[in-house]
């Protein structure tokens, strides 16, 4: 990955404590997995920002390389890769996600 793309990704990730690379926008998700993530974060009342990977193919592939995770959506909390839809659902159901986000947003 070239330095310019890495810098773009790091800037996006750092722009919000909770950042989601997804298909579509938080107002109009373009796939079920992205919608799951948006619904979970809304249910928890967590502020978050998103980037629509369908709008930029370089970012779409670059974020997969950056995280070494092959699928979208991807959720970052305080710059740390948390996971995708399945992981968020699991963490939400166990209560772990609410706790992790509360700690992250308090710091």
C-alpha atoms as a PDB file:
ATOM      1  CA  UNK A   1       0.000   0.000   0.000  1.00  0.00           C
ATOM      2  CA  UNK A   2       1.380   3.391  -0.908  1.00  0.00           C
ATOM      3  CA  UNK A   3       1.936   6.052   1.731  1.00  0.00           C
ATOM      4  CA  UNK A   4      -0.713   8.400   0.314  1.00  0.00           C
ATOM      5  CA  UNK A   5      -3.479   5.788   0.554  1.00  0.00           C
ATOM      6  CA  UNK A   6      -2.359   4.762   4.048  1.00  0.00           C
ATOM      7  CA  UNK A   7      -2.502   8.423   5.106  1.00  0.00           C
ATOM      8  CA  UNK A   8      -6.026   8.833   3.643  1.00  0.00           C
ATOM      9  CA  UNK A   9      -7.228   5.774   5.567  1.00  0.00           C
ATOM     10  CA  UNK A  10      -5.604   6.862   8.820  1.00  0.00           C
ATOM     11  CA  UNK A  11      -7.110  10.352   8.455  1.00  0.00           C
ATOM     12  CA  UNK A  12     -10.590   8.917   7.894  1.00  0.00           C
ATOM     13  CA  UNK A  13     -10.281   6.496  10.821  1.00  0.00           C
ATOM     14  CA  UNK A  14      -9.019   9.274  13.078  1.00  0.00           C
ATOM     15  CA  UNK A  15     -11.822  11.673  12.137  1.00  0.00           C
ATOM     16  CA  UNK A  16     -14.290  10.173  14.626  1.00  0.00           C
ATOM     17  CA  UNK A  17     -14.046   7.980  17.750  1.00  0.00           C
ATOM     18  CA  UNK A  18     -16.363   5.492  15.986  1.00  0.00           C
ATOM     19  CA  UNK A  19     -15.806   5.176  12.251  1.00  0.00           C
ATOM     20  CA  UNK A  20     -17.424   2.747   9.812  1.00  0.00           C
ATOM     21  CA  UNK A  21     -16.334   1.847   6.295  1.00  0.00           C
ATOM     22  CA  UNK A  22     -19.547   0.613   4.716  1.00  0.00           C
ATOM     23  CA  UNK A  23     -21.540   0.237   1.530  1.00  0.00           C
ATOM     24  CA  UNK A  24     -23.799   3.272   1.338  1.00  0.00           C
ATOM     25  CA  UNK A  25     -24.316   5.856   4.050  1.00  0.00           C
ATOM     26  CA  UNK A  26     -25.716   5.711   7.556  1.00  0.00           C
ATOM     27  CA  UNK A  27     -28.905   7.261   6.192  1.00  0.00           C
ATOM     28  CA  UNK A  28     -29.068   4.829   3.288  1.00  0.00           C
ATOM     29  CA  UNK A  29     -27.062   1.612   3.758  1.00  0.00           C
ATOM     30  CA  UNK A  30     -26.592  -0.300   0.501  1.00  0.00           C
ATOM     31  CA  UNK A  31     -26.229  -3.811   1.941  1.00  0.00           C
ATOM     32  CA  UNK A  32     -27.706  -5.806   4.788  1.00  0.00           C
ATOM     33  CA  UNK A  33     -24.418  -6.152   6.663  1.00  0.00           C
ATOM     34  CA  UNK A  34     -23.814  -2.394   6.598  1.00  0.00           C
ATOM     35  CA  UNK A  35     -27.416  -1.854   7.706  1.00  0.00           C
ATOM     36  CA  UNK A  36     -26.883  -4.230  10.666  1.00  0.00           C
ATOM     37  CA  UNK A  37     -23.923  -2.159  11.876  1.00  0.00           C
ATOM     38  CA  UNK A  38     -25.816   1.129  11.482  1.00  0.00           C
ATOM     39  CA  UNK A  39     -28.836  -0.241  13.374  1.00  0.00           C
ATOM     40  CA  UNK A  40     -26.670  -1.529  16.232  1.00  0.00           C
ATOM     41  CA  UNK A  41     -24.843   1.787  16.622  1.00  0.00           C
ATOM     42  CA  UNK A  42     -28.132   3.714  16.472  1.00  0.00           C
ATOM     43  CA  UNK A  43     -29.653   1.355  19.069  1.00  0.00           C
ATOM     44  CA  UNK A  44     -26.742   2.129  21.391  1.00  0.00           C
ATOM     45  CA  UNK A  45     -27.085   5.863  20.759  1.00  0.00           C
ATOM     46  CA  UNK A  46     -23.463   6.106  19.673  1.00  0.00           C
ATOM     47  CA  UNK A  47     -22.346   8.978  17.434  1.00  0.00           C
ATOM     48  CA  UNK A  48     -20.372   7.694  14.455  1.00  0.00           C
ATOM     49  CA  UNK A  49     -19.127   8.693  11.030  1.00  0.00           C
ATOM     50  CA  UNK A  50     -19.045   6.608   7.868  1.00  0.00           C
ATOM     51  CA  UNK A  51     -17.357   6.362   4.499  1.00  0.00           C
ATOM     52  CA  UNK A  52     -19.165   4.867   1.504  1.00  0.00           C
ATOM     53  CA  UNK A  53     -16.657   2.460  -0.066  1.00  0.00           C
ATOM     54  CA  UNK A  54     -18.852   2.258  -3.184  1.00  0.00           C
ATOM     55  CA  UNK A  55     -17.811   5.852  -3.940  1.00  0.00           C
ATOM     56  CA  UNK A  56     -14.059   5.121  -4.033  1.00  0.00           C
ATOM     57  CA  UNK A  57     -12.611   1.835  -5.253  1.00  0.00           C
ATOM     58  CA  UNK A  58      -9.129   2.693  -3.972  1.00  0.00           C
ATOM     59  CA  UNK A  59     -10.466   3.079  -0.427  1.00  0.00           C
ATOM     60  CA  UNK A  60     -12.690   0.006  -0.852  1.00  0.00           C
ATOM     61  CA  UNK A  61      -9.716  -2.253  -1.565  1.00  0.00           C
ATOM     62  CA  UNK A  62      -7.261  -0.276   0.542  1.00  0.00           C
ATOM     63  CA  UNK A  63      -9.208  -0.676   3.789  1.00  0.00           C
ATOM     64  CA  UNK A  64      -9.277  -4.449   3.298  1.00  0.00           C
ATOM     65  CA  UNK A  65      -5.489  -4.461   2.920  1.00  0.00           C
ATOM     66  CA  UNK A  66      -5.033  -2.007   5.800  1.00  0.00           C
ATOM     67  CA  UNK A  67      -7.028  -4.106   8.278  1.00  0.00           C
ATOM     68  CA  UNK A  68      -6.152  -7.480   6.758  1.00  0.00           C
ATOM     69  CA  UNK A  69      -9.920  -8.136   6.868  1.00  0.00           C
ATOM     70  CA  UNK A  70     -11.596  -9.184   3.603  1.00  0.00           C
ATOM     71  CA  UNK A  71     -15.108  -7.802   4.027  1.00  0.00           C
ATOM     72  CA  UNK A  72     -17.064  -4.577   4.404  1.00  0.00           C
ATOM     73  CA  UNK A  73     -18.373  -3.104   6.698  1.00  0.00           C
ATOM     74  CA  UNK A  74     -15.446  -2.450   8.986  1.00  0.00           C
ATOM     75  CA  UNK A  75     -15.822  -0.687  12.325  1.00  0.00           C
ATOM     76  CA  UNK A  76     -13.035   1.243  14.048  1.00  0.00           C
ATOM     77  CA  UNK A  77     -13.182   2.500  17.640  1.00  0.00           C
ATOM     78  CA  UNK A  78     -10.564   5.062  18.676  1.00  0.00           C
ATOM     79  CA  UNK A  79      -8.482   4.029  15.677  1.00  0.00           C
ATOM     80  CA  UNK A  80      -8.580   0.311  16.484  1.00  0.00           C
ATOM     81  CA  UNK A  81     -10.207  -2.169  14.108  1.00  0.00           C
ATOM     82  CA  UNK A  82     -13.098  -3.811  15.932  1.00  0.00           C
ATOM     83  CA  UNK A  83     -14.602  -6.030  13.243  1.00  0.00           C
ATOM     84  CA  UNK A  84     -17.456  -6.363  10.814  1.00  0.00           C
ATOM     85  CA  UNK A  85     -21.155  -7.061  11.017  1.00  0.00           C
ATOM     86  CA  UNK A  86     -20.980 -10.559  12.541  1.00  0.00           C
ATOM     87  CA  UNK A  87     -18.536  -9.493  15.245  1.00  0.00           C
ATOM     88  CA  UNK A  88     -20.615  -6.423  16.118  1.00  0.00           C
ATOM     89  CA  UNK A  89     -23.792  -8.513  16.364  1.00  0.00           C
ATOM     90  CA  UNK A  90     -22.040 -10.973  18.662  1.00  0.00           C
ATOM     91  CA  UNK A  91     -20.574  -8.196  20.835  1.00  0.00           C
ATOM     92  CA  UNK A  92     -23.932  -6.386  20.946  1.00  0.00           C
ATOM     93  CA  UNK A  93     -25.809  -9.509  22.026  1.00  0.00           C
ATOM     94  CA  UNK A  94     -23.281 -10.249  24.786  1.00  0.00           C
ATOM     95  CA  UNK A  95     -23.253  -6.656  26.082  1.00  0.00           C
ATOM     96  CA  UNK A  96     -19.541  -6.366  25.356  1.00  0.00           C
ATOM     97  CA  UNK A  97     -20.048  -3.739  22.634  1.00  0.00           C
ATOM     98  CA  UNK A  98     -21.975  -1.335  24.891  1.00  0.00           C
ATOM     99  CA  UNK A  99     -19.230  -1.597  27.505  1.00  0.00           C
ATOM    100  CA  UNK A 100     -16.369  -1.167  25.013  1.00  0.00           C
ATOM    101  CA  UNK A 101     -18.009   1.862  23.387  1.00  0.00           C
ATOM    102  CA  UNK A 102     -18.794   3.478  26.753  1.00  0.00           C
ATOM    103  CA  UNK A 103     -15.142   3.187  27.764  1.00  0.00           C
ATOM    104  CA  UNK A 104     -13.877   4.373  24.371  1.00  0.00           C
ATOM    105  CA  UNK A 105     -16.161   7.393  24.222  1.00  0.00           C
ATOM    106  CA  UNK A 106     -15.411   8.384  27.829  1.00  0.00           C
ATOM    107  CA  UNK A 107     -11.681   8.677  27.165  1.00  0.00           C
END
